[in-house]
PDB file of N, CA and C in Angstrom:
ATOM      1  N   MET A   1     -23.932 -18.278  -9.045  1.00  0.00           N
ATOM      2  CA  MET A   1     -22.484 -18.275  -9.101  1.00  0.00           C
ATOM      3  C   MET A   1     -21.882 -19.354  -7.737  1.00  0.00           C
ATOM      4  N   THR A   2     -20.958 -19.407  -7.230  1.00  0.00           N
ATOM      5  CA  THR A   2     -20.497 -19.450  -6.373  1.00  0.00           C
ATOM      6  C   THR A   2     -19.705 -18.744  -6.050  1.00  0.00           C
ATOM      7  N   LYS A   3     -19.974 -19.804  -4.139  1.00  0.00           N
ATOM      8  CA  LYS A   3     -18.586 -18.716  -3.092  1.00  0.00           C
ATOM      9  C   LYS A   3     -17.357 -19.856  -3.612  1.00  0.00           C
ATOM     10  N   PRO A   4     -16.324 -19.122  -3.220  1.00  0.00           N
ATOM     11  CA  PRO A   4     -15.288 -19.462  -3.119  1.00  0.00           C
ATOM     12  C   PRO A   4     -14.917 -20.308  -1.700  1.00  0.00           C
ATOM     13  N   ALA A   5     -13.829 -21.115  -1.557  1.00  0.00           N
ATOM     14  CA  ALA A   5     -13.745 -21.988  -0.763  1.00  0.00           C
ATOM     15  C   ALA A   5     -13.043 -21.670   0.794  1.00  0.00           C
ATOM     16  N   ALA A   6     -14.426 -21.759   1.934  1.00  0.00           N
ATOM     17  CA  ALA A   6     -13.379 -21.351   2.913  1.00  0.00           C
ATOM     18  C   ALA A   6     -11.905 -21.668   3.850  1.00  0.00           C
ATOM     19  N   ARG A   7     -11.251 -20.563   4.376  1.00  0.00           N
ATOM     20  CA  ARG A   7     -10.490 -21.090   5.211  1.00  0.00           C
ATOM     21  C   ARG A   7     -10.595 -21.787   5.521  1.00  0.00           C
ATOM     22  N   THR A   8      -9.456 -23.490   5.958  1.00  0.00           N
ATOM     23  CA  THR A   8      -9.990 -23.506   7.222  1.00  0.00           C
ATOM     24  C   THR A   8      -9.179 -23.565   7.788  1.00  0.00           C
ATOM     25  N   ARG A   9      -9.865 -23.194   9.051  1.00  0.00           N
ATOM     26  CA  ARG A   9      -8.451 -22.739  10.667  1.00  0.00           C
ATOM     27  C   ARG A   9      -7.610 -24.326  11.480  1.00  0.00           C
ATOM     28  N   HIS A  10      -6.686 -23.067  10.992  1.00  0.00           N
ATOM     29  CA  HIS A  10      -5.702 -24.747  12.456  1.00  0.00           C
ATOM     30  C   HIS A  10      -5.873 -24.823  13.796  1.00  0.00           C
ATOM     31  N   LEU A  11      -5.899 -26.121  14.342  1.00  0.00           N
ATOM     32  CA  LEU A  11      -6.723 -27.313  15.769  1.00  0.00           C
ATOM     33  C   LEU A  11      -5.103 -26.950  16.011  1.00  0.00           C
ATOM     34  N   PRO A  12      -4.856 -26.821  17.243  1.00  0.00           N
ATOM     35  CA  PRO A  12      -3.792 -26.272  18.022  1.00  0.00           C
ATOM     36  C   PRO A  12      -3.912 -27.738  18.423  1.00  0.00           C
ATOM     37  N   THR A  13      -3.806 -28.417  18.376  1.00  0.00           N
ATOM     38  CA  THR A  13      -4.034 -30.270  18.524  1.00  0.00           C
ATOM     39  C   THR A  13      -2.882 -30.699  17.268  1.00  0.00           C
ATOM     40  N   SER A  14      -3.903 -29.638  15.700  1.00  0.00           N
ATOM     41  CA  SER A  14      -2.901 -31.234  15.041  1.00  0.00           C
ATOM     42  C   SER A  14      -1.412 -30.418  14.832  1.00  0.00           C
ATOM     43  N   PRO A  15      -0.831 -31.991  14.294  1.00  0.00           N
ATOM     44  CA  PRO A  15       0.466 -32.502  14.819  1.00  0.00           C
ATOM     45  C   PRO A  15       1.469 -31.209  13.032  1.00  0.00           C
ATOM     46  N   PHE A  16       0.549 -30.789  12.375  1.00  0.00           N
ATOM     47  CA  PHE A  16       1.545 -30.475  11.425  1.00  0.00           C
ATOM     48  C   PHE A  16       1.592 -28.042  11.616  1.00  0.00           C
ATOM     49  N   LYS A  17       2.535 -28.336  10.875  1.00  0.00           N
ATOM     50  CA  LYS A  17       2.464 -26.665  11.491  1.00  0.00           C
ATOM     51  C   LYS A  17       1.493 -25.332  11.319  1.00  0.00           C
ATOM     52  N   THR A  18       1.822 -25.213  11.926  1.00  0.00           N
ATOM     53  CA  THR A  18       1.014 -23.359  11.695  1.00  0.00           C
ATOM     54  C   THR A  18       1.058 -23.716  10.179  1.00  0.00           C
ATOM     55  N   PRO A  19       0.600 -22.183   8.961  1.00  0.00           N
ATOM     56  CA  PRO A  19       0.230 -22.431   8.326  1.00  0.00           C
ATOM     57  C   PRO A  19       1.325 -20.542   8.174  1.00  0.00           C
ATOM     58  N   VAL A  20       1.577 -19.762   7.350  1.00  0.00           N
ATOM     59  CA  VAL A  20       3.148 -18.772   7.565  1.00  0.00           C
ATOM     60  C   VAL A  20       2.422 -17.564   6.752  1.00  0.00           C
ATOM     61  N   ALA A  21       1.547 -16.873   6.810  1.00  0.00           N
ATOM     62  CA  ALA A  21       1.803 -15.106   5.995  1.00  0.00           C
ATOM     63  C   ALA A  21       2.989 -14.889   5.315  1.00  0.00           C
ATOM     64  N   PRO A  22       2.654 -14.798   3.812  1.00  0.00           N
ATOM     65  CA  PRO A  22       4.166 -14.059   3.468  1.00  0.00           C
ATOM     66  C   PRO A  22       3.826 -12.745   4.276  1.00  0.00           C
ATOM     67  N   ALA A  23       5.899 -12.425   4.476  1.00  0.00           N
ATOM     68  CA  ALA A  23       6.973 -11.292   4.961  1.00  0.00           C
ATOM     69  C   ALA A  23       5.884 -10.764   3.797  1.00  0.00           C
ATOM     70  N   PRO A  24       5.406  -8.928   4.338  1.00  0.00           N
ATOM     71  CA  PRO A  24       4.859  -7.794   3.468  1.00  0.00           C
ATOM     72  C   PRO A  24       6.697  -7.139   3.054  1.00  0.00           C
ATOM     73  N   LYS A  25       6.744  -7.598   0.905  1.00  0.00           N
ATOM     74  CA  LYS A  25       7.471  -6.854   0.543  1.00  0.00           C
ATOM     75  C   LYS A  25       7.850  -4.996   0.531  1.00  0.00           C
ATOM     76  N   HIS A  26       9.194  -5.145   0.472  1.00  0.00           N
ATOM     77  CA  HIS A  26       8.875  -3.155   0.710  1.00  0.00           C
ATOM     78  C   HIS A  26      10.105  -3.216  -0.390  1.00  0.00           C
ATOM     79  N   PHE A  27       9.701  -1.898  -0.304  1.00  0.00           N
ATOM     80  CA  PHE A  27      10.842  -1.447  -1.760  1.00  0.00           C
ATOM     81  C   PHE A  27      10.636   0.325  -1.608  1.00  0.00           C
ATOM     82  N   ALA A  28      11.289   1.229  -1.964  1.00  0.00           N
ATOM     83  CA  ALA A  28      12.220   1.868  -1.653  1.00  0.00           C
ATOM     84  C   ALA A  28      12.187   2.464  -2.963  1.00  0.00           C
ATOM     85  N   GLU A  29      12.213   3.702  -3.838  1.00  0.00           N
ATOM     86  CA  GLU A  29      12.455   4.343  -4.840  1.00  0.00           C
ATOM     87  C   GLU A  29      13.948   4.179  -5.078  1.00  0.00           C
ATOM     88  N   GLY A  30      13.957   3.364  -7.371  1.00  0.00           N
ATOM     89  CA  GLY A  30      15.174   3.969  -7.515  1.00  0.00           C
ATOM     90  C   GLY A  30      15.310   2.095  -7.727  1.00  0.00           C
ATOM     91  N   ASP A  31      14.293   1.066  -7.155  1.00  0.00           N
ATOM     92  CA  ASP A  31      15.474  -0.271  -6.354  1.00  0.00           C
ATOM     93  C   ASP A  31      14.084  -0.699  -8.647  1.00  0.00           C
ATOM     94  N   GLN A  32      14.927  -1.835  -8.355  1.00  0.00           N
ATOM     95  CA  GLN A  32      14.742  -2.200 -10.186  1.00  0.00           C
ATOM     96  C   GLN A  32      13.808  -3.108  -9.588  1.00  0.00           C
ATOM     97  N   VAL A  33      13.689  -3.746 -10.084  1.00  0.00           N
ATOM     98  CA  VAL A  33      12.128  -4.879 -10.471  1.00  0.00           C
ATOM     99  C   VAL A  33      11.309  -5.480 -11.509  1.00  0.00           C
ATOM    100  N   THR A  34      10.793  -6.182 -10.791  1.00  0.00           N
ATOM    101  CA  THR A  34      10.247  -7.134 -12.109  1.00  0.00           C
ATOM    102  C   THR A  34       8.935  -7.197 -12.350  1.00  0.00           C
ATOM    103  N   HIS A  35       7.719  -7.736 -13.221  1.00  0.00           N
ATOM    104  CA  HIS A  35       7.034  -7.571 -12.869  1.00  0.00           C
ATOM    105  C   HIS A  35       5.994  -8.906 -13.742  1.00  0.00           C
ATOM    106  N   ASP A  36       4.955  -9.363 -13.261  1.00  0.00           N
ATOM    107  CA  ASP A  36       4.284 -10.691 -13.849  1.00  0.00           C
ATOM    108  C   ASP A  36       4.158  -9.820 -15.681  1.00  0.00           C
ATOM    109  N   MET A  37       3.296  -9.184 -15.457  1.00  0.00           N
ATOM    110  CA  MET A  37       2.151  -9.134 -16.838  1.00  0.00           C
ATOM    111  C   MET A  37       3.235  -8.018 -17.704  1.00  0.00           C
ATOM    112  N   TYR A  38       4.013  -6.774 -16.587  1.00  0.00           N
ATOM    113  CA  TYR A  38       4.397  -5.933 -17.470  1.00  0.00           C
ATOM    114  C   TYR A  38       6.061  -5.531 -17.701  1.00  0.00           C
ATOM    115  N   GLY A  39       7.160  -6.527 -17.096  1.00  0.00           N
ATOM    116  CA  GLY A  39       8.398  -7.222 -17.280  1.00  0.00           C
ATOM    117  C   GLY A  39       9.392  -6.803 -16.687  1.00  0.00           C
ATOM    118  N   LEU A  40      10.000  -5.573 -16.953  1.00  0.00           N
ATOM    119  CA  LEU A  40      11.572  -4.827 -15.397  1.00  0.00           C
ATOM    120  C   LEU A  40      11.086  -3.669 -15.942  1.00  0.00           C
ATOM    121  N   GLY A  41      11.559  -2.918 -13.850  1.00  0.00           N
ATOM    122  CA  GLY A  41      10.505  -1.507 -14.177  1.00  0.00           C
ATOM    123  C   GLY A  41      12.022  -1.379 -13.447  1.00  0.00           C
ATOM    124  N   ARG A  42      11.732  -0.051 -12.729  1.00  0.00           N
ATOM    125  CA  ARG A  42      11.917   0.801 -11.560  1.00  0.00           C
ATOM    126  C   ARG A  42      11.088   1.459 -11.020  1.00  0.00           C
ATOM    127  N   VAL A  43      11.244   1.616  -9.657  1.00  0.00           N
ATOM    128  CA  VAL A  43      10.590   2.045  -8.784  1.00  0.00           C
ATOM    129  C   VAL A  43      10.958   3.538  -8.512  1.00  0.00           C
ATOM    130  N   ILE A  44       9.977   4.349  -9.234  1.00  0.00           N
ATOM    131  CA  ILE A  44      10.239   5.747  -8.909  1.00  0.00           C
ATOM    132  C   ILE A  44       8.804   6.901  -7.621  1.00  0.00           C
ATOM    133  N   GLY A  45       8.366   5.520  -7.671  1.00  0.00           N
ATOM    134  CA  GLY A  45       7.503   6.679  -6.305  1.00  0.00           C
ATOM    135  C   GLY A  45       7.133   5.654  -5.258  1.00  0.00           C
ATOM    136  N   MET A  46       6.616   6.109  -4.231  1.00  0.00           N
ATOM    137  CA  MET A  46       5.786   4.663  -3.502  1.00  0.00           C
ATOM    138  C   MET A  46       5.148   5.342  -2.703  1.00  0.00           C
ATOM    139  N   GLU A  47       4.248   4.955  -1.852  1.00  0.00           N
ATOM    140  CA  GLU A  47       2.819   5.159  -0.761  1.00  0.00           C
ATOM    141  C   GLU A  47       2.993   4.023   0.257  1.00  0.00           C
ATOM    142  N   GLU A  48       3.567   4.624   0.871  1.00  0.00           N
ATOM    143  CA  GLU A  48       3.258   3.666   2.006  1.00  0.00           C
ATOM    144  C   GLU A  48       2.319   2.824   2.468  1.00  0.00           C
ATOM    145  N   GLY A  49       3.052   1.459   2.377  1.00  0.00           N
ATOM    146  CA  GLY A  49       1.737   0.081   2.518  1.00  0.00           C
ATOM    147  C   GLY A  49       0.448   0.453   1.619  1.00  0.00           C
ATOM    148  N   ILE A  50       0.748   0.729   0.841  1.00  0.00           N
ATOM    149  CA  ILE A  50      -0.267   1.091  -0.878  1.00  0.00           C
ATOM    150  C   ILE A  50       0.261   0.940  -1.919  1.00  0.00           C
ATOM    151  N   ALA A  51       1.258   1.653  -2.004  1.00  0.00           N
ATOM    152  CA  ALA A  51       1.144   1.074  -3.331  1.00  0.00           C
ATOM    153  C   ALA A  51       2.428   2.029  -3.869  1.00  0.00           C
ATOM    154  N   ALA A  52       2.824   1.261  -4.722  1.00  0.00           N
ATOM    155  CA  ALA A  52       4.062   1.493  -5.580  1.00  0.00           C
ATOM    156  C   ALA A  52       3.981   2.282  -7.122  1.00  0.00           C
ATOM    157  N   LEU A  53       4.447   3.720  -7.755  1.00  0.00           N
ATOM    158  CA  LEU A  53       4.350   3.659  -8.821  1.00  0.00           C
ATOM    159  C   LEU A  53       5.633   3.202  -9.768  1.00  0.00           C
ATOM    160  N   VAL A  54       5.644   3.080  -9.965  1.00  0.00           N
ATOM    161  CA  VAL A  54       7.186   1.636 -11.190  1.00  0.00           C
ATOM    162  C   VAL A  54       7.102   2.507 -12.779  1.00  0.00           C
ATOM    163  N   ASP A  55       8.145   2.767 -12.973  1.00  0.00           N
ATOM    164  CA  ASP A  55       7.752   2.967 -14.298  1.00  0.00           C
ATOM    165  C   ASP A  55       8.981   1.343 -15.335  1.00  0.00           C
ATOM    166  N   PHE A  56       8.473   1.100 -16.853  1.00  0.00           N
ATOM    167  CA  PHE A  56       8.608   0.423 -16.933  1.00  0.00           C
ATOM    168  C   PHE A  56       9.197   0.600 -18.194  1.00  0.00           C
ATOM    169  N   GLY A  57       9.688   1.699 -18.500  1.00  0.00           N
ATOM    170  CA  GLY A  57       9.662   2.006 -19.937  1.00  0.00           C
ATOM    171  C   GLY A  57       8.820   3.060 -21.229  1.00  0.00           C
ATOM    172  N   SER A  58       8.361   2.737 -21.799  1.00  0.00           N
ATOM    173  CA  SER A  58       7.080   2.353 -22.205  1.00  0.00           C
ATOM    174  C   SER A  58       5.268   3.099 -21.185  1.00  0.00           C
ATOM    175  N   THR A  59       5.873   2.484 -19.780  1.00  0.00           N
ATOM    176  CA  THR A  59       4.129   2.358 -19.929  1.00  0.00           C
ATOM    177  C   THR A  59       4.983   3.209 -17.913  1.00  0.00           C
ATOM    178  N   GLN A  60       4.520   3.711 -17.398  1.00  0.00           N
ATOM    179  CA  GLN A  60       4.161   4.404 -15.890  1.00  0.00           C
ATOM    180  C   GLN A  60       2.809   3.188 -15.101  1.00  0.00           C
ATOM    181  N   MET A  61       3.225   2.092 -14.060  1.00  0.00           N
ATOM    182  CA  MET A  61       1.759   2.154 -13.657  1.00  0.00           C
ATOM    183  C   MET A  61       2.211   1.827 -12.012  1.00  0.00           C
ATOM    184  N   ARG A  62       1.055   2.367 -11.430  1.00  0.00           N
ATOM    185  CA  ARG A  62       0.351   1.847  -9.851  1.00  0.00           C
ATOM    186  C   ARG A  62       0.357   0.814  -9.865  1.00  0.00           C
ATOM    187  N   ILE A  63       1.241   0.227  -9.372  1.00  0.00           N
ATOM    188  CA  ILE A  63       1.324  -1.350  -8.791  1.00  0.00           C
ATOM    189  C   ILE A  63       0.315  -1.020  -7.571  1.00  0.00           C
ATOM    190  N   LEU A  64       0.012  -1.545  -6.939  1.00  0.00           N
ATOM    191  CA  LEU A  64      -1.503  -1.233  -5.051  1.00  0.00           C
ATOM    192  C   LEU A  64      -0.160  -2.802  -4.656  1.00  0.00           C
ATOM    193  N   SER A  65      -0.307  -2.805  -3.394  1.00  0.00           N
ATOM    194  CA  SER A  65       0.194  -4.165  -2.605  1.00  0.00           C
ATOM    195  C   SER A  65      -0.921  -4.786  -1.912  1.00  0.00           C
ATOM    196  N   PRO A  66      -0.711  -6.067  -2.024  1.00  0.00           N
ATOM    197  CA  PRO A  66       0.860  -6.341  -1.491  1.00  0.00           C
ATOM    198  C   PRO A  66       1.717  -7.299  -2.432  1.00  0.00           C
ATOM    199  N   TYR A  67       1.907  -7.038  -4.042  1.00  0.00           N
ATOM    200  CA  TYR A  67       2.942  -6.392  -5.008  1.00  0.00           C
ATOM    201  C   TYR A  67       3.006  -8.001  -5.077  1.00  0.00           C
ATOM    202  N   ALA A  68       2.178  -9.114  -5.009  1.00  0.00           N
ATOM    203  CA  ALA A  68       2.221 -10.355  -5.479  1.00  0.00           C
ATOM    204  C   ALA A  68       2.927 -10.601  -7.030  1.00  0.00           C
ATOM    205  N   LYS A  69       2.734 -10.075  -7.971  1.00  0.00           N
ATOM    206  CA  LYS A  69       3.696 -10.846  -8.834  1.00  0.00           C
ATOM    207  C   LYS A  69       4.656  -9.838  -9.205  1.00  0.00           C
ATOM    208  N   MET A  70       5.290  -8.603  -8.039  1.00  0.00           N
ATOM    209  CA  MET A  70       6.613  -7.561  -8.541  1.00  0.00           C
ATOM    210  C   MET A  70       7.548  -8.382  -7.260  1.00  0.00           C
ATOM    211  N   THR A  71       8.808  -8.037  -7.687  1.00  0.00           N
ATOM    212  CA  THR A  71      10.172  -8.734  -7.398  1.00  0.00           C
ATOM    213  C   THR A  71      10.793  -7.762  -7.270  1.00  0.00           C
ATOM    214  N   LYS A  72      11.898  -7.606  -6.081  1.00  0.00           N
ATOM    215  CA  LYS A  72      13.059  -7.158  -6.092  1.00  0.00           C
ATOM    216  C   LYS A  72      14.233  -7.479  -6.926  1.00  0.00           C
ATOM    217  N   LEU A  73      15.128  -7.424  -8.008  1.00  0.00           N
ATOM    218  CA  LEU A  73      16.294  -7.483  -8.034  1.00  0.00           C
ATOM    219  C   LEU A  73      17.262  -7.163  -7.705  1.00  0.00           C
TER     220      LEU A  73
END
């Protein structure tokens, strides 16, 4: 089994910009969202910083933070 490649560190003398971390996504109850795997849904509950409970019509799923595959509509 191989290990994943280590992230390279940014040198202060580099002419390239520092990589920017994406801003954390914030959702609220009632927000309409789309998920890459489950499709359209509505947020019905939040555990701040941990997970969002989303109703996708046929099923309810607990989507964990950082919500990489979920976007607000």
